[in-house]
Amino acid sequence: MKLADFIVKEAIVSEVKATDRDGVIRELVTALAGAKAVAAGDVDTIVKAIVDREKHGSTGFGKGVAVPHVKHPAIKKRVGAIGRSSVGVDFSALDQAPVYSVVLLLSPPNNPDGHLQAMENIFRNLQQDTFRRFLRQADTKQKIVDLIEEADQAGATR
């Protein structure tokens, strides 16, 4: 599985406007709705499900990244969005550091294996210092798209 299999390029936000966790989550889900990857009428329930998930344990796992995710009945096909913040957002990360890169993943509830595979792919890339650094520096949607394509090509050769 490649990042490009589920990251919706039109839902990449190279500079999020929101300055708090819930706002960033809403901004990314709204970007997915704008890209027609989720129904606009489902934005509120999806955001609520993700925020509720965050209350049980932060998806900010440190090193400036967070991966909010949820399996939701309104989702028919696995989709993801990427948001970047140049100022950093408090995600209650494990290392208490601000988050600069957010990878949001939404999956249908009937395919837990696919959700897990997508999460593994995201984490495999985010564990790499170079990927994290380039993602944090990518100040345009196209630079983030290019980074995803490069990561997918590198992953294919592993």
C-alpha atoms as a PDB file:
ATOM      1  CA  MET A   1       0.000   0.000   0.000  1.00  0.00           C
ATOM      2  CA  LYS A   2       1.235   3.453  -0.945  1.00  0.00           C
ATOM      3  CA  LEU A   3       0.504   6.801   0.673  1.00  0.00           C
ATOM      4  CA  ALA A   4      -0.969   7.910  -2.665  1.00  0.00           C
ATOM      5  CA  ASP A   5      -3.528   5.082  -2.369  1.00  0.00           C
ATOM      6  CA  PHE A   6      -5.367   6.979   0.364  1.00  0.00           C
ATOM      7  CA  ILE A   7      -3.951  10.504   0.739  1.00  0.00           C
ATOM      8  CA  VAL A   8      -6.310  12.809  -1.171  1.00  0.00           C
ATOM      9  CA  LYS A   9      -4.015  15.296  -2.913  1.00  0.00           C
ATOM     10  CA  GLU A  10      -6.756  17.925  -3.096  1.00  0.00           C
ATOM     11  CA  ALA A  11      -7.113  17.704   0.710  1.00  0.00           C
ATOM     12  CA  ILE A  12      -3.491  18.568   1.464  1.00  0.00           C
ATOM     13  CA  VAL A  13      -3.231  21.809   3.436  1.00  0.00           C
ATOM     14  CA  SER A  14       0.280  23.247   3.233  1.00  0.00           C
ATOM     15  CA  GLU A  15      -0.417  25.803   5.971  1.00  0.00           C
ATOM     16  CA  VAL A  16      -3.296  25.124   8.331  1.00  0.00           C
ATOM     17  CA  LYS A  17      -5.060  28.203   9.644  1.00  0.00           C
ATOM     18  CA  ALA A  18      -6.219  26.566  12.870  1.00  0.00           C
ATOM     19  CA  THR A  19      -4.037  26.944  15.942  1.00  0.00           C
ATOM     20  CA  ASP A  20      -5.530  24.197  18.123  1.00  0.00           C
ATOM     21  CA  ARG A  21      -5.925  20.421  17.786  1.00  0.00           C
ATOM     22  CA  ASP A  22      -9.690  20.355  17.247  1.00  0.00           C
ATOM     23  CA  GLY A  23      -9.482  23.192  14.722  1.00  0.00           C
ATOM     24  CA  VAL A  24      -6.788  21.399  12.714  1.00  0.00           C
ATOM     25  CA  ILE A  25      -8.849  18.197  12.707  1.00  0.00           C
ATOM     26  CA  ARG A  26     -11.926  20.140  11.511  1.00  0.00           C
ATOM     27  CA  GLU A  27      -9.856  21.920   8.838  1.00  0.00           C
ATOM     28  CA  LEU A  28      -8.529  18.621   7.446  1.00  0.00           C
ATOM     29  CA  VAL A  29     -11.931  16.871   7.480  1.00  0.00           C
ATOM     30  CA  THR A  30     -13.409  19.947   5.777  1.00  0.00           C
ATOM     31  CA  ALA A  31     -10.617  19.773   3.170  1.00  0.00           C
ATOM     32  CA  LEU A  32     -11.586  16.138   2.513  1.00  0.00           C
ATOM     33  CA  ALA A  33     -15.219  17.246   2.104  1.00  0.00           C
ATOM     34  CA  GLY A  34     -14.099  20.003  -0.278  1.00  0.00           C
ATOM     35  CA  ALA A  35     -12.299  17.346  -2.318  1.00  0.00           C
ATOM     36  CA  LYS A  36     -15.522  15.259  -2.353  1.00  0.00           C
ATOM     37  CA  ALA A  37     -13.742  12.459  -0.435  1.00  0.00           C
ATOM     38  CA  VAL A  38     -16.305  12.668   2.388  1.00  0.00           C
ATOM     39  CA  ALA A  39     -19.840  14.023   2.349  1.00  0.00           C
ATOM     40  CA  ALA A  40     -20.080  17.612   3.570  1.00  0.00           C
ATOM     41  CA  GLY A  41     -23.016  16.616   5.763  1.00  0.00           C
ATOM     42  CA  ASP A  42     -20.813  14.114   7.630  1.00  0.00           C
ATOM     43  CA  VAL A  43     -18.054  16.585   8.622  1.00  0.00           C
ATOM     44  CA  ASP A  44     -19.422  17.301  12.105  1.00  0.00           C
ATOM     45  CA  THR A  45     -19.947  13.659  13.096  1.00  0.00           C
ATOM     46  CA  ILE A  46     -16.527  12.652  11.736  1.00  0.00           C
ATOM     47  CA  VAL A  47     -14.793  15.524  13.564  1.00  0.00           C
ATOM     48  CA  LYS A  48     -16.599  14.582  16.788  1.00  0.00           C
ATOM     49  CA  ALA A  49     -15.506  10.938  16.419  1.00  0.00           C
ATOM     50  CA  ILE A  50     -11.857  11.938  15.891  1.00  0.00           C
ATOM     51  CA  VAL A  51     -11.876  14.395  18.809  1.00  0.00           C
ATOM     52  CA  ASP A  52     -13.485  11.740  21.036  1.00  0.00           C
ATOM     53  CA  ARG A  53     -10.738   9.343  19.953  1.00  0.00           C
ATOM     54  CA  GLU A  54      -8.103  11.970  20.885  1.00  0.00           C
ATOM     55  CA  LYS A  55      -9.589  12.271  24.387  1.00  0.00           C
ATOM     56  CA  HIS A  56      -8.744   8.591  25.015  1.00  0.00           C
ATOM     57  CA  GLY A  57      -5.121   9.106  24.026  1.00  0.00           C
ATOM     58  CA  SER A  58      -3.306  11.654  21.930  1.00  0.00           C
ATOM     59  CA  THR A  59      -2.283  10.678  18.422  1.00  0.00           C
ATOM     60  CA  GLY A  60       0.582  13.150  18.717  1.00  0.00           C
ATOM     61  CA  PHE A  61       3.309  10.569  19.080  1.00  0.00           C
ATOM     62  CA  GLY A  62       6.209  13.002  19.292  1.00  0.00           C
ATOM     63  CA  LYS A  63       8.853  14.391  16.960  1.00  0.00           C
ATOM     64  CA  GLY A  64       6.440  17.080  15.741  1.00  0.00           C
ATOM     65  CA  VAL A  65       3.867  14.768  14.168  1.00  0.00           C
ATOM     66  CA  ALA A  66       0.333  13.579  14.896  1.00  0.00           C
ATOM     67  CA  VAL A  67      -1.784  10.957  13.174  1.00  0.00           C
ATOM     68  CA  PRO A  68      -5.424  11.458  14.142  1.00  0.00           C
ATOM     69  CA  HIS A  69      -7.464   8.554  12.827  1.00  0.00           C
ATOM     70  CA  VAL A  70     -10.850   6.919  13.150  1.00  0.00           C
ATOM     71  CA  LYS A  71     -12.976   4.188  11.625  1.00  0.00           C
ATOM     72  CA  HIS A  72     -16.371   5.738  10.902  1.00  0.00           C
ATOM     73  CA  PRO A  73     -19.579   4.401   9.310  1.00  0.00           C
ATOM     74  CA  ALA A  74     -19.876   7.466   7.054  1.00  0.00           C
ATOM     75  CA  ILE A  75     -16.584   6.514   5.384  1.00  0.00           C
ATOM     76  CA  LYS A  76     -16.937   4.101   2.463  1.00  0.00           C
ATOM     77  CA  LYS A  77     -13.339   4.237   1.173  1.00  0.00           C
ATOM     78  CA  ARG A  78     -10.131   4.868   3.160  1.00  0.00           C
ATOM     79  CA  VAL A  79      -9.045   8.491   2.757  1.00  0.00           C
ATOM     80  CA  GLY A  80      -6.418  10.721   4.294  1.00  0.00           C
ATOM     81  CA  ALA A  81      -5.330  14.321   4.412  1.00  0.00           C
ATOM     82  CA  ILE A  82      -2.108  16.051   5.403  1.00  0.00           C
ATOM     83  CA  GLY A  83      -1.845  19.368   7.181  1.00  0.00           C
ATOM     84  CA  ARG A  84       1.254  21.368   7.971  1.00  0.00           C
ATOM     85  CA  SER A  85       1.651  24.110  10.558  1.00  0.00           C
ATOM     86  CA  SER A  86       4.681  26.378  10.535  1.00  0.00           C
ATOM     87  CA  VAL A  87       3.910  27.608  14.064  1.00  0.00           C
ATOM     88  CA  GLY A  88       3.072  24.273  15.697  1.00  0.00           C
ATOM     89  CA  VAL A  89      -0.095  23.033  17.388  1.00  0.00           C
ATOM     90  CA  ASP A  90      -0.578  21.557  20.858  1.00  0.00           C
ATOM     91  CA  PHE A  91      -1.761  17.969  20.314  1.00  0.00           C
ATOM     92  CA  SER A  92      -0.855  16.834  23.858  1.00  0.00           C
ATOM     93  CA  ALA A  93       1.909  14.850  22.186  1.00  0.00           C
ATOM     94  CA  LEU A  94       3.775  12.202  24.141  1.00  0.00           C
ATOM     95  CA  ASP A  95       6.931  14.342  24.155  1.00  0.00           C
ATOM     96  CA  GLN A  96       4.908  17.503  24.988  1.00  0.00           C
ATOM     97  CA  ALA A  97       6.364  19.202  21.880  1.00  0.00           C
ATOM     98  CA  PRO A  98       4.208  21.074  19.352  1.00  0.00           C
ATOM     99  CA  VAL A  99       2.998  19.246  16.255  1.00  0.00           C
ATOM    100  CA  TYR A 100       3.948  20.636  12.832  1.00  0.00           C
ATOM    101  CA  SER A 101       2.764  17.803  10.577  1.00  0.00           C
ATOM    102  CA  VAL A 102      -0.632  16.105  10.825  1.00  0.00           C
ATOM    103  CA  VAL A 103      -1.626  13.050   8.818  1.00  0.00           C
ATOM    104  CA  LEU A 104      -5.355  12.375   9.179  1.00  0.00           C
ATOM    105  CA  LEU A 105      -6.717   8.921   8.304  1.00  0.00           C
ATOM    106  CA  LEU A 106     -10.387   7.952   7.948  1.00  0.00           C
ATOM    107  CA  SER A 107     -11.385   4.358   7.286  1.00  0.00           C
ATOM    108  CA  PRO A 108     -14.610   2.396   6.922  1.00  0.00           C
ATOM    109  CA  PRO A 109     -15.289   0.241  10.001  1.00  0.00           C
ATOM    110  CA  ASN A 110     -15.602  -2.971   7.973  1.00  0.00           C
ATOM    111  CA  ASN A 111     -11.932  -3.108   6.911  1.00  0.00           C
ATOM    112  CA  PRO A 112      -9.741  -3.009  10.043  1.00  0.00           C
ATOM    113  CA  ASP A 113      -6.833  -4.694   8.225  1.00  0.00           C
ATOM    114  CA  GLY A 114      -6.765  -1.953   5.588  1.00  0.00           C
ATOM    115  CA  HIS A 115      -6.811   0.685   8.341  1.00  0.00           C
ATOM    116  CA  LEU A 116      -3.883  -1.043  10.043  1.00  0.00           C
ATOM    117  CA  GLN A 117      -1.916  -1.297   6.779  1.00  0.00           C
ATOM    118  CA  ALA A 118      -2.436   2.411   6.107  1.00  0.00           C
ATOM    119  CA  MET A 119      -1.342   3.282   9.668  1.00  0.00           C
ATOM    120  CA  GLU A 120       1.780   1.132   9.273  1.00  0.00           C
ATOM    121  CA  ASN A 121       2.631   2.935   6.032  1.00  0.00           C
ATOM    122  CA  ILE A 122       2.151   6.357   7.642  1.00  0.00           C
ATOM    123  CA  PHE A 123       4.268   5.445  10.670  1.00  0.00           C
ATOM    124  CA  ARG A 124       6.995   3.822   8.565  1.00  0.00           C
ATOM    125  CA  ASN A 125       7.433   7.120   6.724  1.00  0.00           C
ATOM    126  CA  LEU A 126       7.066   9.354   9.780  1.00  0.00           C
ATOM    127  CA  GLN A 127       9.743   7.368  11.639  1.00  0.00           C
ATOM    128  CA  GLN A 128      12.273   8.582   9.074  1.00  0.00           C
ATOM    129  CA  ASP A 129      13.984  11.819  10.075  1.00  0.00           C
ATOM    130  CA  THR A 130      14.362  12.908   6.447  1.00  0.00           C
ATOM    131  CA  PHE A 131      10.675  12.437   5.645  1.00  0.00           C
ATOM    132  CA  ARG A 132       9.602  14.353   8.767  1.00  0.00           C
ATOM    133  CA  ARG A 133      12.043  17.172   8.057  1.00  0.00           C
ATOM    134  CA  PHE A 134      10.981  17.537   4.403  1.00  0.00           C
ATOM    135  CA  LEU A 135       7.293  17.378   5.354  1.00  0.00           C
ATOM    136  CA  ARG A 136       7.782  20.118   7.926  1.00  0.00           C
ATOM    137  CA  GLN A 137       9.605  22.281   5.361  1.00  0.00           C
ATOM    138  CA  ALA A 138       7.176  21.618   2.482  1.00  0.00           C
ATOM    139  CA  ASP A 139       5.421  24.976   2.221  1.00  0.00           C
ATOM    140  CA  THR A 140       3.287  24.216  -0.829  1.00  0.00           C
ATOM    141  CA  LYS A 141       0.772  21.496  -1.680  1.00  0.00           C
ATOM    142  CA  GLN A 142       2.949  20.447  -4.643  1.00  0.00           C
ATOM    143  CA  LYS A 143       6.020  19.947  -2.431  1.00  0.00           C
ATOM    144  CA  ILE A 144       3.977  17.669  -0.164  1.00  0.00           C
ATOM    145  CA  VAL A 145       2.631  15.738  -3.182  1.00  0.00           C
ATOM    146  CA  ASP A 146       6.207  15.341  -4.468  1.00  0.00           C
ATOM    147  CA  LEU A 147       7.328  14.073  -1.050  1.00  0.00           C
ATOM    148  CA  ILE A 148       4.510  11.491  -0.994  1.00  0.00           C
ATOM    149  CA  GLU A 149       5.474  10.285  -4.476  1.00  0.00           C
ATOM    150  CA  GLU A 150       9.151  10.022  -3.498  1.00  0.00           C
ATOM    151  CA  ALA A 151       8.269   8.117  -0.309  1.00  0.00           C
ATOM    152  CA  ASP A 152       6.064   5.710  -2.285  1.00  0.00           C
ATOM    153  CA  GLN A 153       8.849   5.100  -4.813  1.00  0.00           C
ATOM    154  CA  ALA A 154      11.379   4.509  -2.013  1.00  0.00           C
ATOM    155  CA  GLY A 155       8.918   2.161  -0.299  1.00  0.00           C
ATOM    156  CA  ALA A 156       8.500   0.157  -3.499  1.00  0.00           C
ATOM    157  CA  THR A 157      12.234  -0.538  -3.556  1.00  0.00           C
ATOM    158  CA  ARG A 158      12.341  -1.735   0.078  1.00  0.00           C
END
